[in-house]
Amino acid sequence: MLDSDYSVENYVEDLRAIVQVSPNDAQAHYQLGLLLVPRVPDAALIYLEQAAELDEKFSEAANLLQDSLRPSPQTDDPAYT
């Protein structure tokens, strides 16, 4: 559980430091990616993809985010504007 006195930005900074020191830590990449999803989705995708490369159990999360970032084919359809 997250400490309520510790901001999300603090967790992001801590996880970035962990990833720097332990670049093969798939869990740190995954957690950092999840924290970045609402703020910086493109950066989140990079960390989630790295987590998936390090440990395939994280591949589904990376794939789901990647799919959600792709523009919908219906956006060019006048019915959706």
PDB file of N, CA and C in Angstrom:
ATOM      1  N   MET A   1       0.843  -1.181   0.000  1.00  0.00           N
ATOM      2  CA  MET A   1       0.000   0.000   0.000  1.00  0.00           C
ATOM      3  C   MET A   1       0.888   1.244   0.000  1.00  0.00           C
ATOM      4  N   LEU A   2       0.476   2.248  -0.750  1.00  0.00           N
ATOM      5  CA  LEU A   2       1.242   3.474  -0.844  1.00  0.00           C
ATOM      6  C   LEU A   2       1.071   4.313   0.414  1.00  0.00           C
ATOM      7  N   ASP A   3       2.147   4.947   0.850  1.00  0.00           N
ATOM      8  CA  ASP A   3       2.134   5.860   1.985  1.00  0.00           C
ATOM      9  C   ASP A   3       1.452   7.145   1.534  1.00  0.00           C
ATOM     10  N   SER A   4       0.413   7.581   2.241  1.00  0.00           N
ATOM     11  CA  SER A   4      -0.355   8.745   1.816  1.00  0.00           C
ATOM     12  C   SER A   4       0.448  10.046   1.892  1.00  0.00           C
ATOM     13  N   ASP A   5       1.526  10.085   2.673  1.00  0.00           N
ATOM     14  CA  ASP A   5       2.356  11.284   2.769  1.00  0.00           C
ATOM     15  C   ASP A   5       3.439  11.318   1.687  1.00  0.00           C
ATOM     16  N   TYR A   6       3.512  10.287   0.884  1.00  0.00           N
ATOM     17  CA  TYR A   6       4.546  10.165  -0.131  1.00  0.00           C
ATOM     18  C   TYR A   6       3.864  10.334  -1.477  1.00  0.00           C
ATOM     19  N   SER A   7       4.263  11.317  -2.254  1.00  0.00           N
ATOM     20  CA  SER A   7       3.572  11.606  -3.507  1.00  0.00           C
ATOM     21  C   SER A   7       3.925  10.602  -4.602  1.00  0.00           C
ATOM     22  N   VAL A   8       3.078  10.554  -5.611  1.00  0.00           N
ATOM     23  CA  VAL A   8       3.318   9.688  -6.762  1.00  0.00           C
ATOM     24  C   VAL A   8       4.636  10.071  -7.415  1.00  0.00           C
ATOM     25  N   GLU A   9       4.926  11.362  -7.451  1.00  0.00           N
ATOM     26  CA  GLU A   9       6.181  11.820  -8.046  1.00  0.00           C
ATOM     27  C   GLU A   9       7.385  11.235  -7.299  1.00  0.00           C
ATOM     28  N   ASN A  10       7.259  11.115  -5.957  1.00  0.00           N
ATOM     29  CA  ASN A  10       8.341  10.514  -5.184  1.00  0.00           C
ATOM     30  C   ASN A  10       8.526   9.048  -5.565  1.00  0.00           C
ATOM     31  N   TYR A  11       7.422   8.337  -5.743  1.00  0.00           N
ATOM     32  CA  TYR A  11       7.517   6.935  -6.152  1.00  0.00           C
ATOM     33  C   TYR A  11       8.134   6.814  -7.546  1.00  0.00           C
ATOM     34  N   VAL A  12       7.739   7.712  -8.452  1.00  0.00           N
ATOM     35  CA  VAL A  12       8.296   7.704  -9.803  1.00  0.00           C
ATOM     36  C   VAL A  12       9.804   7.928  -9.741  1.00  0.00           C
ATOM     37  N   GLU A  13      10.232   8.913  -8.966  1.00  0.00           N
ATOM     38  CA  GLU A  13      11.669   9.179  -8.825  1.00  0.00           C
ATOM     39  C   GLU A  13      12.402   7.975  -8.251  1.00  0.00           C
ATOM     40  N   ASP A  14      11.828   7.361  -7.221  1.00  0.00           N
ATOM     41  CA  ASP A  14      12.457   6.185  -6.609  1.00  0.00           C
ATOM     42  C   ASP A  14      12.579   5.037  -7.604  1.00  0.00           C
ATOM     43  N   LEU A  15      11.517   4.799  -8.358  1.00  0.00           N
ATOM     44  CA  LEU A  15      11.550   3.702  -9.324  1.00  0.00           C
ATOM     45  C   LEU A  15      12.509   3.990 -10.471  1.00  0.00           C
ATOM     46  N   ARG A  16      12.607   5.239 -10.882  1.00  0.00           N
ATOM     47  CA  ARG A  16      13.594   5.587 -11.915  1.00  0.00           C
ATOM     48  C   ARG A  16      15.014   5.303 -11.413  1.00  0.00           C
ATOM     49  N   ALA A  17      15.252   5.605 -10.145  1.00  0.00           N
ATOM     50  CA  ALA A  17      16.566   5.332  -9.562  1.00  0.00           C
ATOM     51  C   ALA A  17      16.831   3.826  -9.499  1.00  0.00           C
ATOM     52  N   ILE A  18      15.813   3.064  -9.150  1.00  0.00           N
ATOM     53  CA  ILE A  18      15.961   1.600  -9.096  1.00  0.00           C
ATOM     54  C   ILE A  18      16.259   1.051 -10.482  1.00  0.00           C
ATOM     55  N   VAL A  19      15.543   1.540 -11.490  1.00  0.00           N
ATOM     56  CA  VAL A  19      15.752   1.082 -12.869  1.00  0.00           C
ATOM     57  C   VAL A  19      17.169   1.420 -13.329  1.00  0.00           C
ATOM     58  N   GLN A  20      17.673   2.585 -12.913  1.00  0.00           N
ATOM     59  CA  GLN A  20      19.046   2.967 -13.274  1.00  0.00           C
ATOM     60  C   GLN A  20      20.069   2.017 -12.651  1.00  0.00           C
ATOM     61  N   VAL A  21      19.853   1.686 -11.392  1.00  0.00           N
ATOM     62  CA  VAL A  21      20.800   0.832 -10.664  1.00  0.00           C
ATOM     63  C   VAL A  21      20.625  -0.638 -11.052  1.00  0.00           C
ATOM     64  N   SER A  22      19.386  -1.036 -11.294  1.00  0.00           N
ATOM     65  CA  SER A  22      19.073  -2.431 -11.623  1.00  0.00           C
ATOM     66  C   SER A  22      18.279  -2.496 -12.927  1.00  0.00           C
ATOM     67  N   PRO A  23      18.949  -2.313 -14.057  1.00  0.00           N
ATOM     68  CA  PRO A  23      18.228  -2.258 -15.333  1.00  0.00           C
ATOM     69  C   PRO A  23      17.535  -3.563 -15.724  1.00  0.00           C
ATOM     70  N   ASN A  24      17.845  -4.654 -15.054  1.00  0.00           N
ATOM     71  CA  ASN A  24      17.201  -5.937 -15.354  1.00  0.00           C
ATOM     72  C   ASN A  24      16.055  -6.252 -14.402  1.00  0.00           C
ATOM     73  N   ASP A  25      15.641  -5.287 -13.610  1.00  0.00           N
ATOM     74  CA  ASP A  25      14.548  -5.480 -12.655  1.00  0.00           C
ATOM     75  C   ASP A  25      13.212  -5.253 -13.369  1.00  0.00           C
ATOM     76  N   ALA A  26      12.615  -6.323 -13.841  1.00  0.00           N
ATOM     77  CA  ALA A  26      11.363  -6.237 -14.597  1.00  0.00           C
ATOM     78  C   ALA A  26      10.237  -5.642 -13.758  1.00  0.00           C
ATOM     79  N   GLN A  27      10.177  -5.993 -12.492  1.00  0.00           N
ATOM     80  CA  GLN A  27       9.120  -5.494 -11.614  1.00  0.00           C
ATOM     81  C   GLN A  27       9.207  -3.967 -11.465  1.00  0.00           C
ATOM     82  N   ALA A  28      10.405  -3.430 -11.337  1.00  0.00           N
ATOM     83  CA  ALA A  28      10.571  -1.977 -11.219  1.00  0.00           C
ATOM     84  C   ALA A  28      10.129  -1.280 -12.508  1.00  0.00           C
ATOM     85  N   HIS A  29      10.504  -1.841 -13.663  1.00  0.00           N
ATOM     86  CA  HIS A  29      10.064  -1.276 -14.941  1.00  0.00           C
ATOM     87  C   HIS A  29       8.534  -1.291 -15.025  1.00  0.00           C
ATOM     88  N   TYR A  30       7.941  -2.398 -14.628  1.00  0.00           N
ATOM     89  CA  TYR A  30       6.488  -2.562 -14.686  1.00  0.00           C
ATOM     90  C   TYR A  30       5.784  -1.540 -13.783  1.00  0.00           C
ATOM     91  N   GLN A  31       6.239  -1.439 -12.539  1.00  0.00           N
ATOM     92  CA  GLN A  31       5.609  -0.509 -11.601  1.00  0.00           C
ATOM     93  C   GLN A  31       5.762   0.931 -12.063  1.00  0.00           C
ATOM     94  N   LEU A  32       6.941   1.267 -12.571  1.00  0.00           N
ATOM     95  CA  LEU A  32       7.165   2.616 -13.084  1.00  0.00           C
ATOM     96  C   LEU A  32       6.243   2.888 -14.272  1.00  0.00           C
ATOM     97  N   GLY A  33       6.125   1.920 -15.156  1.00  0.00           N
ATOM     98  CA  GLY A  33       5.224   2.067 -16.294  1.00  0.00           C
ATOM     99  C   GLY A  33       3.790   2.311 -15.867  1.00  0.00           C
ATOM    100  N   LEU A  34       3.336   1.557 -14.879  1.00  0.00           N
ATOM    101  CA  LEU A  34       1.960   1.731 -14.404  1.00  0.00           C
ATOM    102  C   LEU A  34       1.746   3.115 -13.802  1.00  0.00           C
ATOM    103  N   LEU A  35       2.727   3.606 -13.044  1.00  0.00           N
ATOM    104  CA  LEU A  35       2.591   4.937 -12.454  1.00  0.00           C
ATOM    105  C   LEU A  35       2.572   6.039 -13.510  1.00  0.00           C
ATOM    106  N   LEU A  36       3.243   5.799 -14.628  1.00  0.00           N
ATOM    107  CA  LEU A  36       3.331   6.819 -15.670  1.00  0.00           C
ATOM    108  C   LEU A  36       2.156   6.805 -16.652  1.00  0.00           C
ATOM    109  N   VAL A  37       1.364   5.750 -16.657  1.00  0.00           N
ATOM    110  CA  VAL A  37       0.268   5.623 -17.634  1.00  0.00           C
ATOM    111  C   VAL A  37      -0.620   6.865 -17.681  1.00  0.00           C
ATOM    112  N   PRO A  38      -1.153   7.363 -16.560  1.00  0.00           N
ATOM    113  CA  PRO A  38      -2.052   8.521 -16.670  1.00  0.00           C
ATOM    114  C   PRO A  38      -1.336   9.842 -16.955  1.00  0.00           C
ATOM    115  N   ARG A  39      -0.035   9.908 -16.682  1.00  0.00           N
ATOM    116  CA  ARG A  39       0.691  11.164 -16.822  1.00  0.00           C
ATOM    117  C   ARG A  39       1.446  11.268 -18.140  1.00  0.00           C
ATOM    118  N   VAL A  40       2.180  10.204 -18.468  1.00  0.00           N
ATOM    119  CA  VAL A  40       3.034  10.203 -19.663  1.00  0.00           C
ATOM    120  C   VAL A  40       2.905   8.826 -20.327  1.00  0.00           C
ATOM    121  N   PRO A  41       1.816   8.590 -21.061  1.00  0.00           N
ATOM    122  CA  PRO A  41       1.570   7.262 -21.609  1.00  0.00           C
ATOM    123  C   PRO A  41       2.673   6.735 -22.530  1.00  0.00           C
ATOM    124  N   ASP A  42       3.299   7.621 -23.306  1.00  0.00           N
ATOM    125  CA  ASP A  42       4.365   7.152 -24.196  1.00  0.00           C
ATOM    126  C   ASP A  42       5.560   6.620 -23.402  1.00  0.00           C
ATOM    127  N   ALA A  43       5.921   7.309 -22.327  1.00  0.00           N
ATOM    128  CA  ALA A  43       7.013   6.844 -21.468  1.00  0.00           C
ATOM    129  C   ALA A  43       6.596   5.564 -20.743  1.00  0.00           C
ATOM    130  N   ALA A  44       5.334   5.504 -20.326  1.00  0.00           N
ATOM    131  CA  ALA A  44       4.830   4.309 -19.646  1.00  0.00           C
ATOM    132  C   ALA A  44       4.979   3.090 -20.551  1.00  0.00           C
ATOM    133  N   LEU A  45       4.658   3.268 -21.805  1.00  0.00           N
ATOM    134  CA  LEU A  45       4.749   2.167 -22.762  1.00  0.00           C
ATOM    135  C   LEU A  45       6.181   1.652 -22.877  1.00  0.00           C
ATOM    136  N   ILE A  46       7.144   2.557 -22.878  1.00  0.00           N
ATOM    137  CA  ILE A  46       8.549   2.148 -22.962  1.00  0.00           C
ATOM    138  C   ILE A  46       8.922   1.276 -21.765  1.00  0.00           C
ATOM    139  N   TYR A  47       8.538   1.705 -20.565  1.00  0.00           N
ATOM    140  CA  TYR A  47       8.877   0.930 -19.367  1.00  0.00           C
ATOM    141  C   TYR A  47       8.128  -0.407 -19.335  1.00  0.00           C
ATOM    142  N   LEU A  48       6.877  -0.405 -19.764  1.00  0.00           N
ATOM    143  CA  LEU A  48       6.124  -1.661 -19.786  1.00  0.00           C
ATOM    144  C   LEU A  48       6.696  -2.628 -20.826  1.00  0.00           C
ATOM    145  N   GLU A  49       7.115  -2.096 -21.968  1.00  0.00           N
ATOM    146  CA  GLU A  49       7.732  -2.960 -22.981  1.00  0.00           C
ATOM    147  C   GLU A  49       9.057  -3.534 -22.475  1.00  0.00           C
ATOM    148  N   GLN A  50       9.829  -2.713 -21.756  1.00  0.00           N
ATOM    149  CA  GLN A  50      11.081  -3.211 -21.191  1.00  0.00           C
ATOM    150  C   GLN A  50      10.794  -4.294 -20.155  1.00  0.00           C
ATOM    151  N   ALA A  51       9.765  -4.092 -19.346  1.00  0.00           N
ATOM    152  CA  ALA A  51       9.384  -5.112 -18.359  1.00  0.00           C
ATOM    153  C   ALA A  51       9.017  -6.408 -19.065  1.00  0.00           C
ATOM    154  N   ALA A  52       8.272  -6.303 -20.176  1.00  0.00           N
ATOM    155  CA  ALA A  52       7.867  -7.487 -20.928  1.00  0.00           C
ATOM    156  C   ALA A  52       9.061  -8.197 -21.547  1.00  0.00           C
ATOM    157  N   GLU A  53      10.052  -7.419 -22.000  1.00  0.00           N
ATOM    158  CA  GLU A  53      11.262  -8.032 -22.564  1.00  0.00           C
ATOM    159  C   GLU A  53      12.056  -8.777 -21.488  1.00  0.00           C
ATOM    160  N   LEU A  54      12.046  -8.230 -20.281  1.00  0.00           N
ATOM    161  CA  LEU A  54      12.791  -8.847 -19.185  1.00  0.00           C
ATOM    162  C   LEU A  54      12.055 -10.042 -18.592  1.00  0.00           C
ATOM    163  N   ASP A  55      10.723  -9.973 -18.601  1.00  0.00           N
ATOM    164  CA  ASP A  55       9.912 -11.056 -18.026  1.00  0.00           C
ATOM    165  C   ASP A  55       8.585 -11.098 -18.780  1.00  0.00           C
ATOM    166  N   GLU A  56       8.331 -12.199 -19.460  1.00  0.00           N
ATOM    167  CA  GLU A  56       7.151 -12.279 -20.330  1.00  0.00           C
ATOM    168  C   GLU A  56       5.825 -12.160 -19.590  1.00  0.00           C
ATOM    169  N   LYS A  57       5.822 -12.313 -18.266  1.00  0.00           N
ATOM    170  CA  LYS A  57       4.544 -12.175 -17.548  1.00  0.00           C
ATOM    171  C   LYS A  57       4.000 -10.746 -17.615  1.00  0.00           C
ATOM    172  N   PHE A  58       4.850  -9.783 -18.004  1.00  0.00           N
ATOM    173  CA  PHE A  58       4.418  -8.397 -18.124  1.00  0.00           C
ATOM    174  C   PHE A  58       4.013  -8.034 -19.550  1.00  0.00           C
ATOM    175  N   SER A  59       4.071  -8.970 -20.467  1.00  0.00           N
ATOM    176  CA  SER A  59       3.793  -8.652 -21.868  1.00  0.00           C
ATOM    177  C   SER A  59       2.337  -8.260 -22.109  1.00  0.00           C
ATOM    178  N   GLU A  60       1.409  -8.834 -21.390  1.00  0.00           N
ATOM    179  CA  GLU A  60      -0.001  -8.496 -21.606  1.00  0.00           C
ATOM    180  C   GLU A  60      -0.260  -7.024 -21.291  1.00  0.00           C
ATOM    181  N   ALA A  61       0.295  -6.515 -20.198  1.00  0.00           N
ATOM    182  CA  ALA A  61       0.094  -5.110 -19.840  1.00  0.00           C
ATOM    183  C   ALA A  61       0.675  -4.198 -20.912  1.00  0.00           C
ATOM    184  N   ALA A  62       1.849  -4.518 -21.403  1.00  0.00           N
ATOM    185  CA  ALA A  62       2.471  -3.701 -22.455  1.00  0.00           C
ATOM    186  C   ALA A  62       1.614  -3.724 -23.716  1.00  0.00           C
ATOM    187  N   ASN A  63       1.120  -4.891 -24.079  1.00  0.00           N
ATOM    188  CA  ASN A  63       0.280  -5.007 -25.279  1.00  0.00           C
ATOM    189  C   ASN A  63      -1.026  -4.238 -25.134  1.00  0.00           C
ATOM    190  N   LEU A  64      -1.652  -4.302 -23.964  1.00  0.00           N
ATOM    191  CA  LEU A  64      -2.913  -3.588 -23.749  1.00  0.00           C
ATOM    192  C   LEU A  64      -2.720  -2.082 -23.845  1.00  0.00           C
ATOM    193  N   LEU A  65      -1.651  -1.581 -23.251  1.00  0.00           N
ATOM    194  CA  LEU A  65      -1.395  -0.145 -23.320  1.00  0.00           C
ATOM    195  C   LEU A  65      -1.084   0.274 -24.744  1.00  0.00           C
ATOM    196  N   GLN A  66      -0.276  -0.507 -25.423  1.00  0.00           N
ATOM    197  CA  GLN A  66       0.061  -0.183 -26.805  1.00  0.00           C
ATOM    198  C   GLN A  66      -1.209  -0.134 -27.656  1.00  0.00           C
ATOM    199  N   ASP A  67      -2.091  -1.098 -27.471  1.00  0.00           N
ATOM    200  CA  ASP A  67      -3.351  -1.107 -28.222  1.00  0.00           C
ATOM    201  C   ASP A  67      -4.200   0.123 -27.893  1.00  0.00           C
ATOM    202  N   SER A  68      -4.205   0.538 -26.634  1.00  0.00           N
ATOM    203  CA  SER A  68      -5.034   1.682 -26.248  1.00  0.00           C
ATOM    204  C   SER A  68      -4.471   2.995 -26.776  1.00  0.00           C
ATOM    205  N   LEU A  69      -3.174   3.043 -27.079  1.00  0.00           N
ATOM    206  CA  LEU A  69      -2.564   4.267 -27.586  1.00  0.00           C
ATOM    207  C   LEU A  69      -2.706   4.416 -29.097  1.00  0.00           C
ATOM    208  N   ARG A  70      -3.021   3.340 -29.779  1.00  0.00           N
ATOM    209  CA  ARG A  70      -3.201   3.412 -31.234  1.00  0.00           C
ATOM    210  C   ARG A  70      -4.489   4.153 -31.557  1.00  0.00           C
ATOM    211  N   PRO A  71      -4.452   5.026 -32.552  1.00  0.00           N
ATOM    212  CA  PRO A  71      -5.696   5.711 -32.935  1.00  0.00           C
ATOM    213  C   PRO A  71      -6.715   4.718 -33.479  1.00  0.00           C
ATOM    214  N   SER A  72      -7.946   4.971 -33.160  1.00  0.00           N
ATOM    215  CA  SER A  72      -9.025   4.119 -33.630  1.00  0.00           C
ATOM    216  C   SER A  72      -9.264   4.351 -35.118  1.00  0.00           C
ATOM    217  N   PRO A  73      -9.520   3.281 -35.883  1.00  0.00           N
ATOM    218  CA  PRO A  73      -9.812   3.475 -37.305  1.00  0.00           C
ATOM    219  C   PRO A  73     -11.090   4.278 -37.518  1.00  0.00           C
ATOM    220  N   GLN A  74     -11.969   4.306 -36.534  1.00  0.00           N
ATOM    221  CA  GLN A  74     -13.220   5.044 -36.693  1.00  0.00           C
ATOM    222  C   GLN A  74     -13.038   6.556 -36.580  1.00  0.00           C
ATOM    223  N   THR A  75     -11.878   7.035 -36.133  1.00  0.00           N
ATOM    224  CA  THR A  75     -11.714   8.482 -35.948  1.00  0.00           C
ATOM    225  C   THR A  75     -11.826   9.234 -37.261  1.00  0.00           C
ATOM    226  N   ASP A  76     -11.587   8.588 -38.393  1.00  0.00           N
ATOM    227  CA  ASP A  76     -11.741   9.232 -39.691  1.00  0.00           C
ATOM    228  C   ASP A  76     -13.156   9.118 -40.228  1.00  0.00           C
ATOM    229  N   ASP A  77     -13.971   8.328 -39.577  1.00  0.00           N
ATOM    230  CA  ASP A  77     -15.343   8.129 -40.002  1.00  0.00           C
ATOM    231  C   ASP A  77     -16.183   9.316 -39.519  1.00  0.00           C
ATOM    232  N   PRO A  78     -16.909   9.986 -40.414  1.00  0.00           N
ATOM    233  CA  PRO A  78     -17.719  11.149 -40.021  1.00  0.00           C
ATOM    234  C   PRO A  78     -18.733  10.829 -38.926  1.00  0.00           C
ATOM    235  N   ALA A  79     -19.137   9.594 -38.812  1.00  0.00           N
ATOM    236  CA  ALA A  79     -20.096   9.229 -37.782  1.00  0.00           C
ATOM    237  C   ALA A  79     -19.514   9.383 -36.381  1.00  0.00           C
ATOM    238  N   TYR A  80     -18.199   9.415 -36.273  1.00  0.00           N
ATOM    239  CA  TYR A  80     -17.555   9.503 -34.961  1.00  0.00           C
ATOM    240  C   TYR A  80     -17.027  10.894 -34.672  1.00  0.00           C
ATOM    241  N   THR A  81     -17.387  11.885 -35.494  1.00  0.00           N
ATOM    242  CA  THR A  81     -16.921  13.245 -35.260  1.00  0.00           C
ATOM    243  C   THR A  81     -18.046  14.147 -34.828  1.00  0.00           C
TER     244      THR A  81
END
